[in-house]
N, C-alpha and C. Protein backbone atom coordinates (compact mmCIF):
# COMPACT_ATOMS: atom_id res chain seq x y z
N MET A 1 19.13 22.89 -2.63
CA MET A 1 19.69 21.89 -1.53
C MET A 1 18.09 21.75 -1.02
N LEU A 2 18.36 20.31 -0.56
CA LEU A 2 16.76 19.93 0.21
C LEU A 2 16.75 19.97 1.56
N ASP A 3 15.40 20.47 2.12
CA ASP A 3 15.20 20.69 3.05
C ASP A 3 14.74 19.70 4.03
N PRO A 4 14.38 19.44 5.54
CA PRO A 4 13.70 18.62 6.12
C PRO A 4 12.69 18.06 5.47
N LEU A 5 11.88 18.96 5.05
CA LEU A 5 10.50 18.84 4.75
C LEU A 5 10.68 18.04 3.38
N ASP A 6 11.39 18.23 2.29
CA ASP A 6 11.86 17.76 1.15
C ASP A 6 12.20 16.46 1.13
N ARG A 7 13.16 16.16 2.09
CA ARG A 7 13.54 14.68 2.65
C ARG A 7 12.44 13.89 3.06
N LYS A 8 11.55 14.23 3.87
CA LYS A 8 10.40 13.67 4.22
C LYS A 8 9.39 13.38 3.30
N ILE A 9 9.27 14.46 2.36
CA ILE A 9 8.11 14.18 1.26
C ILE A 9 8.88 13.08 0.30
N ILE A 10 10.22 13.10 0.11
CA ILE A 10 11.08 11.96 -0.84
C ILE A 10 10.71 10.94 -0.37
N ALA A 11 11.06 10.55 0.90
CA ALA A 11 11.14 9.41 1.60
C ALA A 11 9.64 8.97 1.34
N ARG A 12 8.68 9.63 1.71
CA ARG A 12 7.11 9.18 1.44
C ARG A 12 6.60 8.74 0.19
N LEU A 13 7.42 9.45 -0.86
CA LEU A 13 6.83 9.20 -2.16
C LEU A 13 7.45 7.80 -2.52
N CYS A 14 8.53 7.49 -1.94
CA CYS A 14 9.11 6.01 -2.23
C CYS A 14 8.08 5.07 -1.72
N GLY A 15 7.14 5.49 -1.02
CA GLY A 15 5.83 4.13 -0.60
C GLY A 15 4.86 4.23 -1.44
N ASP A 16 4.03 3.50 -1.10
CA ASP A 16 2.52 3.47 -1.87
C ASP A 16 1.93 4.53 -1.87
N LEU A 17 1.14 5.23 -2.87
CA LEU A 17 0.36 6.50 -2.72
C LEU A 17 -0.78 6.14 -1.94
N GLY A 18 -1.19 4.80 -2.12
CA GLY A 18 -2.66 4.55 -1.94
C GLY A 18 -3.81 4.56 -3.22
N ALA A 19 -4.69 3.71 -3.31
CA ALA A 19 -5.38 3.59 -4.43
C ALA A 19 -6.62 4.42 -4.49
N GLY A 20 -7.10 5.72 -3.62
CA GLY A 20 -7.95 6.51 -3.94
C GLY A 20 -8.00 7.47 -4.75
N LEU A 21 -8.71 8.21 -5.12
CA LEU A 21 -8.79 9.08 -6.41
C LEU A 21 -7.92 10.30 -6.44
N TYR A 22 -7.58 10.67 -4.84
CA TYR A 22 -6.95 11.92 -4.80
C TYR A 22 -5.58 11.50 -3.84
N PRO A 23 -4.80 10.68 -4.63
CA PRO A 23 -3.73 10.14 -3.54
C PRO A 23 -2.62 11.25 -3.22
N PHE A 24 -2.79 12.56 -3.80
CA PHE A 24 -1.74 13.12 -3.58
C PHE A 24 -2.22 14.36 -2.25
N ARG A 25 -3.61 14.44 -2.34
CA ARG A 25 -4.44 14.91 -1.24
C ARG A 25 -4.47 14.05 -0.05
N ALA A 26 -4.34 12.99 -0.13
CA ALA A 26 -4.32 11.84 1.40
C ALA A 26 -2.60 12.04 1.82
N LEU A 27 -1.78 12.38 0.72
CA LEU A 27 -0.32 12.12 1.10
C LEU A 27 -0.08 13.89 1.86
N ALA A 28 -0.72 14.86 1.23
CA ALA A 28 -0.66 16.17 1.87
C ALA A 28 -1.02 16.05 3.28
N ALA A 29 -2.37 15.54 3.32
CA ALA A 29 -2.83 15.48 4.67
C ALA A 29 -1.72 14.86 5.79
N GLU A 30 -1.74 13.61 5.30
CA GLU A 30 -0.51 12.90 5.80
C GLU A 30 0.61 13.58 6.44
N LEU A 31 1.17 14.62 5.42
CA LEU A 31 2.33 15.43 5.81
C LEU A 31 1.87 16.68 6.52
N ASP A 32 0.65 17.04 6.78
CA ASP A 32 0.11 17.95 7.23
C ASP A 32 0.67 19.32 6.34
N LEU A 33 0.65 19.15 5.06
CA LEU A 33 0.47 20.32 4.46
C LEU A 33 -0.56 20.45 3.04
N PRO A 34 -0.83 21.66 2.57
CA PRO A 34 -1.87 21.89 1.80
C PRO A 34 -1.44 21.22 0.40
N GLU A 35 -2.34 20.47 -0.23
CA GLU A 35 -2.42 19.89 -1.14
C GLU A 35 -1.55 20.40 -2.61
N ASP A 36 -1.93 21.82 -2.82
CA ASP A 36 -0.83 22.76 -3.60
C ASP A 36 0.46 22.98 -3.43
N ASP A 37 0.85 23.04 -2.22
CA ASP A 37 2.06 23.23 -1.65
C ASP A 37 2.98 21.77 -2.01
N LEU A 38 2.39 20.67 -1.71
CA LEU A 38 2.94 19.35 -2.05
C LEU A 38 2.89 18.94 -3.72
N LEU A 39 1.78 19.68 -3.90
CA LEU A 39 2.29 19.14 -5.77
C LEU A 39 3.43 20.33 -6.21
N ALA A 40 3.32 21.51 -5.67
CA ALA A 40 4.35 22.49 -6.11
C ALA A 40 5.80 21.89 -5.95
N ARG A 41 6.15 21.50 -4.78
CA ARG A 41 7.40 20.90 -4.33
C ARG A 41 7.52 19.70 -5.37
N ILE A 42 6.78 19.08 -5.58
CA ILE A 42 6.73 17.72 -6.62
C ILE A 42 7.21 18.01 -7.80
N ARG A 43 6.48 19.29 -8.48
CA ARG A 43 6.76 19.53 -9.51
C ARG A 43 8.10 20.28 -9.82
N GLY A 44 8.53 20.93 -8.76
CA GLY A 44 10.10 21.44 -8.51
C GLY A 44 11.08 20.21 -8.30
N TYR A 45 10.82 19.04 -7.70
CA TYR A 45 11.77 17.89 -8.00
C TYR A 45 11.73 17.29 -9.32
N GLN A 46 10.56 17.27 -10.17
CA GLN A 46 10.85 17.00 -11.57
C GLN A 46 11.55 18.08 -12.57
N ALA A 47 11.39 19.23 -12.45
CA ALA A 47 12.00 20.52 -12.87
C ALA A 47 13.36 20.30 -12.47
N SER A 48 13.99 20.27 -11.57
CA SER A 48 15.24 20.17 -11.32
C SER A 48 16.06 18.81 -11.63
N GLY A 49 15.19 17.97 -12.12
CA GLY A 49 15.88 16.56 -11.99
C GLY A 49 16.09 15.68 -11.00
N VAL A 50 15.64 16.06 -9.69
CA VAL A 50 15.48 15.20 -8.44
C VAL A 50 14.60 14.10 -8.67
N LEU A 51 13.54 14.09 -9.32
CA LEU A 51 12.60 13.22 -9.55
C LEU A 51 12.25 12.88 -11.28
N ARG A 52 12.69 11.75 -11.40
CA ARG A 52 12.65 11.41 -13.09
C ARG A 52 11.12 11.26 -13.39
N ARG A 53 10.72 10.30 -12.62
CA ARG A 53 9.34 9.86 -12.86
C ARG A 53 8.48 9.22 -11.93
N PHE A 54 7.24 8.99 -11.79
CA PHE A 54 6.39 8.24 -11.02
C PHE A 54 6.11 7.22 -11.62
N GLY A 55 6.29 5.70 -11.01
CA GLY A 55 5.80 4.67 -11.55
C GLY A 55 4.64 3.94 -10.87
N ALA A 56 4.16 3.10 -11.37
CA ALA A 56 3.23 2.06 -10.83
C ALA A 56 3.68 0.50 -11.03
N ILE A 57 3.52 -0.18 -10.04
CA ILE A 57 3.71 -1.53 -10.01
C ILE A 57 2.64 -2.19 -9.63
N LEU A 58 2.48 -3.28 -10.30
CA LEU A 58 1.45 -4.17 -10.89
C LEU A 58 1.98 -5.34 -9.89
N ARG A 59 1.25 -5.88 -8.83
CA ARG A 59 1.22 -7.07 -8.16
C ARG A 59 1.12 -8.29 -9.01
N HIS A 60 1.96 -8.67 -10.03
CA HIS A 60 1.40 -9.66 -11.07
C HIS A 60 1.04 -10.68 -10.59
N GLN A 61 1.70 -11.09 -9.55
CA GLN A 61 1.02 -12.59 -8.96
C GLN A 61 -0.27 -12.56 -8.67
N THR A 62 -0.90 -11.32 -7.98
CA THR A 62 -2.14 -11.13 -7.70
C THR A 62 -3.00 -11.17 -8.89
N ALA A 63 -2.58 -10.46 -9.87
CA ALA A 63 -3.03 -10.46 -10.99
C ALA A 63 -3.35 -11.57 -11.80
N GLY A 64 -2.77 -12.68 -11.31
CA GLY A 64 -2.71 -13.94 -11.94
C GLY A 64 -1.84 -14.22 -12.99
N PHE A 65 -0.66 -13.32 -13.24
CA PHE A 65 0.69 -13.47 -14.14
C PHE A 65 1.71 -14.30 -12.90
N THR A 66 1.56 -15.61 -12.72
CA THR A 66 2.43 -16.19 -11.71
C THR A 66 3.88 -16.54 -12.38
N ALA A 67 4.19 -16.94 -13.55
CA ALA A 67 5.40 -16.94 -14.11
C ALA A 67 6.17 -16.07 -14.61
N ASN A 68 7.40 -16.20 -14.18
CA ASN A 68 8.04 -14.93 -14.70
C ASN A 68 9.44 -15.48 -15.07
N GLY A 69 9.93 -15.16 -16.48
CA GLY A 69 11.08 -15.72 -16.78
C GLY A 69 12.18 -14.72 -17.09
N MET A 70 13.21 -14.73 -16.25
CA MET A 70 14.38 -13.79 -16.69
C MET A 70 14.94 -14.44 -18.05
N SER A 71 14.53 -13.51 -19.32
CA SER A 71 15.47 -14.12 -20.56
C SER A 71 16.71 -13.37 -20.21
N VAL A 72 17.69 -14.15 -21.10
CA VAL A 72 19.24 -13.78 -20.80
C VAL A 72 19.61 -14.03 -22.33
N TRP A 73 20.29 -13.06 -23.18
CA TRP A 73 20.39 -13.17 -24.41
C TRP A 73 22.21 -12.61 -24.65
N ASN A 74 22.60 -13.47 -25.58
CA ASN A 74 24.29 -13.54 -26.04
C ASN A 74 23.75 -12.47 -26.88
N VAL A 75 23.92 -11.27 -27.22
CA VAL A 75 23.62 -10.37 -28.22
C VAL A 75 25.18 -9.71 -28.62
N PRO A 76 25.15 -9.71 -29.94
CA PRO A 76 26.65 -8.79 -30.61
C PRO A 76 26.65 -7.26 -29.97
N ASP A 77 27.72 -7.28 -29.37
CA ASP A 77 27.61 -5.90 -28.76
C ASP A 77 27.30 -4.49 -29.82
N ALA A 78 27.59 -4.92 -31.14
CA ALA A 78 27.15 -4.01 -32.11
C ALA A 78 25.24 -4.05 -32.46
N GLU A 79 24.99 -4.98 -31.88
CA GLU A 79 23.45 -5.24 -31.96
C GLU A 79 22.78 -4.63 -30.78
N VAL A 80 23.56 -4.21 -29.86
CA VAL A 80 22.69 -4.02 -28.49
C VAL A 80 21.36 -3.09 -28.29
N GLU A 81 21.80 -2.14 -28.98
CA GLU A 81 20.76 -1.09 -28.89
C GLU A 81 19.50 -1.38 -29.84
N ARG A 82 19.68 -1.94 -30.89
CA ARG A 82 18.71 -2.40 -31.64
C ARG A 82 17.95 -3.68 -31.14
N VAL A 83 18.41 -4.49 -30.65
CA VAL A 83 17.75 -5.64 -29.79
C VAL A 83 17.34 -4.93 -28.78
N GLY A 84 17.71 -4.21 -28.04
CA GLY A 84 16.93 -3.68 -26.85
C GLY A 84 15.76 -2.83 -27.20
N ALA A 85 15.75 -2.07 -28.06
CA ALA A 85 14.50 -1.48 -28.53
C ALA A 85 13.59 -2.36 -29.01
N VAL A 86 13.77 -3.74 -29.72
CA VAL A 86 12.56 -4.41 -30.04
C VAL A 86 12.21 -5.29 -28.84
N MET A 87 13.16 -5.62 -28.07
CA MET A 87 12.58 -6.26 -27.01
C MET A 87 11.87 -5.44 -25.93
N THR A 88 11.85 -4.07 -25.87
CA THR A 88 11.16 -3.25 -24.98
C THR A 88 9.93 -3.24 -25.48
N GLY A 89 9.61 -3.34 -26.68
CA GLY A 89 8.35 -2.98 -27.51
C GLY A 89 7.69 -4.20 -27.28
N PHE A 90 7.86 -5.48 -26.50
CA PHE A 90 7.00 -6.58 -26.20
C PHE A 90 6.16 -5.95 -24.47
N SER A 91 5.07 -6.11 -24.62
CA SER A 91 3.95 -5.78 -23.55
C SER A 91 4.55 -6.62 -22.42
N GLU A 92 4.82 -8.09 -22.78
CA GLU A 92 5.05 -8.81 -21.71
C GLU A 92 6.49 -8.90 -20.83
N VAL A 93 7.14 -7.82 -21.40
CA VAL A 93 8.73 -7.58 -21.17
C VAL A 93 8.44 -6.44 -19.76
N SER A 94 8.75 -6.31 -18.66
CA SER A 94 8.72 -5.30 -17.73
C SER A 94 9.83 -4.43 -17.73
N HIS A 95 11.09 -5.15 -17.68
CA HIS A 95 12.11 -4.79 -17.85
C HIS A 95 13.41 -5.13 -18.36
N CYS A 96 14.19 -4.47 -19.04
CA CYS A 96 15.07 -5.09 -20.17
C CYS A 96 16.47 -4.10 -20.03
N TYR A 97 17.56 -4.60 -19.93
CA TYR A 97 18.80 -4.03 -19.56
C TYR A 97 20.12 -4.87 -20.05
N GLU A 98 21.27 -4.04 -20.19
CA GLU A 98 22.40 -4.73 -20.81
C GLU A 98 23.13 -4.82 -19.45
N ARG A 99 24.07 -5.76 -19.41
CA ARG A 99 24.86 -5.85 -18.23
C ARG A 99 26.57 -6.35 -19.03
N PRO A 100 27.49 -6.36 -18.28
CA PRO A 100 28.69 -6.74 -18.76
C PRO A 100 28.53 -8.46 -18.84
N ARG A 101 29.14 -8.93 -20.08
CA ARG A 101 29.40 -10.34 -20.18
C ARG A 101 30.27 -11.03 -19.09
N LEU A 102 30.62 -12.20 -18.57
CA LEU A 102 31.33 -12.83 -17.58
C LEU A 102 32.20 -13.88 -18.29
N PRO A 103 33.19 -14.23 -17.82
CA PRO A 103 34.13 -15.29 -18.46
C PRO A 103 32.98 -16.55 -18.48
N ASP A 104 32.13 -16.84 -18.00
CA ASP A 104 31.88 -18.26 -17.95
C ASP A 104 30.23 -17.92 -18.21
N TRP A 105 30.07 -16.65 -18.59
CA TRP A 105 28.59 -16.11 -18.58
C TRP A 105 28.63 -15.11 -19.96
N PRO A 106 27.77 -15.77 -21.11
CA PRO A 106 28.23 -14.99 -22.52
C PRO A 106 26.88 -13.93 -22.55
N TYR A 107 25.79 -14.10 -21.71
CA TYR A 107 24.77 -13.21 -22.19
C TYR A 107 25.03 -11.83 -21.42
N ASN A 108 24.56 -10.84 -22.32
CA ASN A 108 24.63 -9.56 -21.78
C ASN A 108 23.55 -8.47 -22.29
N VAL A 109 22.31 -9.26 -22.44
CA VAL A 109 21.38 -8.67 -22.72
C VAL A 109 19.94 -9.34 -21.77
N PHE A 110 19.37 -8.59 -20.77
CA PHE A 110 18.43 -9.29 -19.96
C PHE A 110 17.04 -8.72 -19.95
N GLY A 111 15.78 -9.70 -19.78
CA GLY A 111 14.70 -8.87 -20.11
C GLY A 111 13.47 -9.85 -19.28
N MET A 112 13.03 -9.25 -18.55
CA MET A 112 12.05 -10.11 -17.47
C MET A 112 10.64 -10.32 -18.22
N ILE A 113 10.39 -11.19 -18.50
CA ILE A 113 9.23 -11.62 -19.11
C ILE A 113 8.15 -12.20 -18.10
N HIS A 114 6.84 -11.91 -18.05
CA HIS A 114 5.65 -12.05 -17.17
C HIS A 114 4.75 -12.87 -18.04
N GLY A 115 4.43 -13.57 -17.44
CA GLY A 115 3.15 -14.46 -18.41
C GLY A 115 2.27 -15.49 -17.19
N GLN A 116 1.14 -16.31 -17.81
CA GLN A 116 0.31 -16.93 -16.58
C GLN A 116 0.93 -18.44 -16.37
N THR A 117 1.95 -18.88 -17.39
CA THR A 117 2.47 -19.95 -17.27
C THR A 117 3.88 -19.92 -17.99
N GLU A 118 4.70 -20.86 -17.74
CA GLU A 118 5.96 -21.11 -18.38
C GLU A 118 5.94 -20.99 -19.54
N GLU A 119 4.86 -21.69 -20.25
CA GLU A 119 5.05 -21.97 -21.70
C GLU A 119 4.76 -20.92 -22.38
N GLN A 120 3.74 -19.55 -21.56
CA GLN A 120 3.64 -18.38 -22.32
C GLN A 120 4.99 -17.58 -22.05
N CYS A 121 5.57 -17.58 -21.27
CA CYS A 121 6.68 -16.76 -21.16
C CYS A 121 7.84 -17.43 -22.42
N ARG A 122 7.88 -18.71 -22.38
CA ARG A 122 8.68 -19.40 -23.83
C ARG A 122 8.23 -19.02 -24.89
N ALA A 123 7.12 -18.82 -25.23
CA ALA A 123 6.38 -18.30 -26.53
C ALA A 123 6.66 -17.45 -26.54
N VAL A 124 6.77 -15.99 -25.73
CA VAL A 124 7.07 -14.73 -26.30
C VAL A 124 8.81 -14.58 -26.15
N ALA A 125 9.63 -15.47 -25.68
CA ALA A 125 10.70 -15.41 -25.68
C ALA A 125 11.33 -15.80 -27.48
N ALA A 126 10.19 -16.98 -27.79
CA ALA A 126 10.43 -17.55 -29.15
C ALA A 126 10.11 -16.21 -30.13
N ARG A 127 8.85 -15.62 -29.85
CA ARG A 127 8.78 -14.37 -30.60
C ARG A 127 9.79 -13.00 -30.42
N MET A 128 10.39 -13.10 -29.53
CA MET A 128 11.39 -12.15 -29.12
C MET A 128 12.64 -12.52 -30.05
N ALA A 129 12.97 -13.91 -30.02
CA ALA A 129 14.11 -14.21 -30.67
C ALA A 129 13.74 -14.10 -32.33
N GLU A 130 12.60 -14.37 -33.00
CA GLU A 130 12.09 -14.34 -34.38
C GLU A 130 12.26 -12.49 -34.72
N ALA A 131 12.03 -11.60 -33.72
CA ALA A 131 11.80 -10.64 -34.11
C ALA A 131 13.26 -9.70 -34.22
N THR A 132 13.96 -10.42 -33.44
CA THR A 132 15.50 -9.66 -33.11
C THR A 132 16.07 -10.45 -34.27
N GLY A 133 16.20 -11.93 -34.22
CA GLY A 133 17.26 -12.60 -35.07
C GLY A 133 18.31 -13.15 -34.24
N ILE A 134 17.83 -13.01 -32.75
CA ILE A 134 19.03 -13.77 -31.93
C ILE A 134 18.66 -15.20 -31.20
N ARG A 135 19.13 -16.00 -31.50
CA ARG A 135 18.91 -17.28 -31.15
C ARG A 135 19.76 -17.77 -30.15
N ASP A 136 20.48 -16.94 -29.50
CA ASP A 136 21.32 -17.95 -28.41
C ASP A 136 20.80 -17.06 -27.01
N TYR A 137 19.99 -17.79 -26.49
CA TYR A 137 19.08 -17.22 -25.32
C TYR A 137 18.62 -18.43 -24.34
N ASP A 138 18.39 -18.11 -23.05
CA ASP A 138 17.91 -18.95 -22.23
C ASP A 138 16.86 -18.26 -21.11
N LEU A 139 15.83 -19.08 -20.79
CA LEU A 139 15.24 -18.34 -19.76
C LEU A 139 15.29 -19.00 -18.36
N LEU A 140 15.22 -17.80 -17.26
CA LEU A 140 15.51 -18.39 -15.92
C LEU A 140 14.32 -18.06 -15.37
N PHE A 141 13.73 -19.09 -14.53
CA PHE A 141 12.57 -19.03 -13.98
C PHE A 141 12.69 -19.03 -12.25
N SER A 142 11.49 -18.14 -11.87
CA SER A 142 11.82 -17.79 -10.32
C SER A 142 11.16 -19.12 -9.69
N LEU A 143 11.89 -19.62 -8.47
CA LEU A 143 11.18 -20.84 -7.89
C LEU A 143 10.64 -20.04 -6.47
N ARG A 144 11.22 -18.85 -6.27
CA ARG A 144 10.50 -18.51 -5.00
C ARG A 144 10.87 -17.17 -4.81
N GLU A 145 10.34 -16.06 -4.06
CA GLU A 145 10.34 -15.02 -3.89
C GLU A 145 10.74 -14.40 -2.59
N PHE A 146 11.98 -13.81 -2.47
CA PHE A 146 12.42 -13.73 -0.67
C PHE A 146 12.09 -12.34 -0.57
N LYS A 147 11.91 -11.23 -1.45
CA LYS A 147 12.10 -10.13 -1.31
C LYS A 147 11.70 -9.04 -2.65
N LYS A 148 10.77 -7.93 -2.44
CA LYS A 148 10.56 -7.49 -3.50
C LYS A 148 9.99 -6.20 -3.30
N SER A 149 11.22 -5.38 -3.19
CA SER A 149 10.15 -3.82 -2.93
C SER A 149 11.25 -2.71 -3.93
N SER A 150 10.57 -1.60 -3.72
CA SER A 150 11.22 -0.41 -4.40
C SER A 150 12.41 0.16 -3.39
N MET A 151 13.29 0.84 -3.81
CA MET A 151 14.15 1.74 -3.35
C MET A 151 13.56 2.48 -2.31
N VAL A 152 13.97 2.72 -1.29
CA VAL A 152 13.17 3.72 -0.07
C VAL A 152 14.37 4.52 0.22
N TYR A 153 14.43 5.81 0.10
CA TYR A 153 15.20 6.84 0.46
C TYR A 153 14.94 7.55 1.80
N THR A 154 15.88 7.60 2.58
CA THR A 154 15.15 8.04 3.88
C THR A 154 16.49 9.50 3.83
């Protein structure tokens, strides 16, 4: 069972840790805990499966990657595992997942491609098509970003 301090730590871990050399030290100070106690609790969350991983999010627009193409693929069901494994090997793909097909939407595999231009994204998609043998795909480019945030648990 999670106690109130656990809930406070987990809620805080959903936010930015900071860019310093010792982000957990700063977080521990913010929570009024010794750093070793904070780290022990975090390790406990990992051991119990409450926490699966820590992730870093690159603010890709700030880094110059201003083109985002959501690639959508019509992959035969028997090929999804193989194709997904190939697609996730591309460094330009930040996430890739399977979704159910819809009556008027044949695509079942999605992969977000990041590049500096739409042409770069299209070139990556063409390489992905070559590597997977899947030719039925399209790219959807972002026009505007309304919100982008990680899930926050309170």
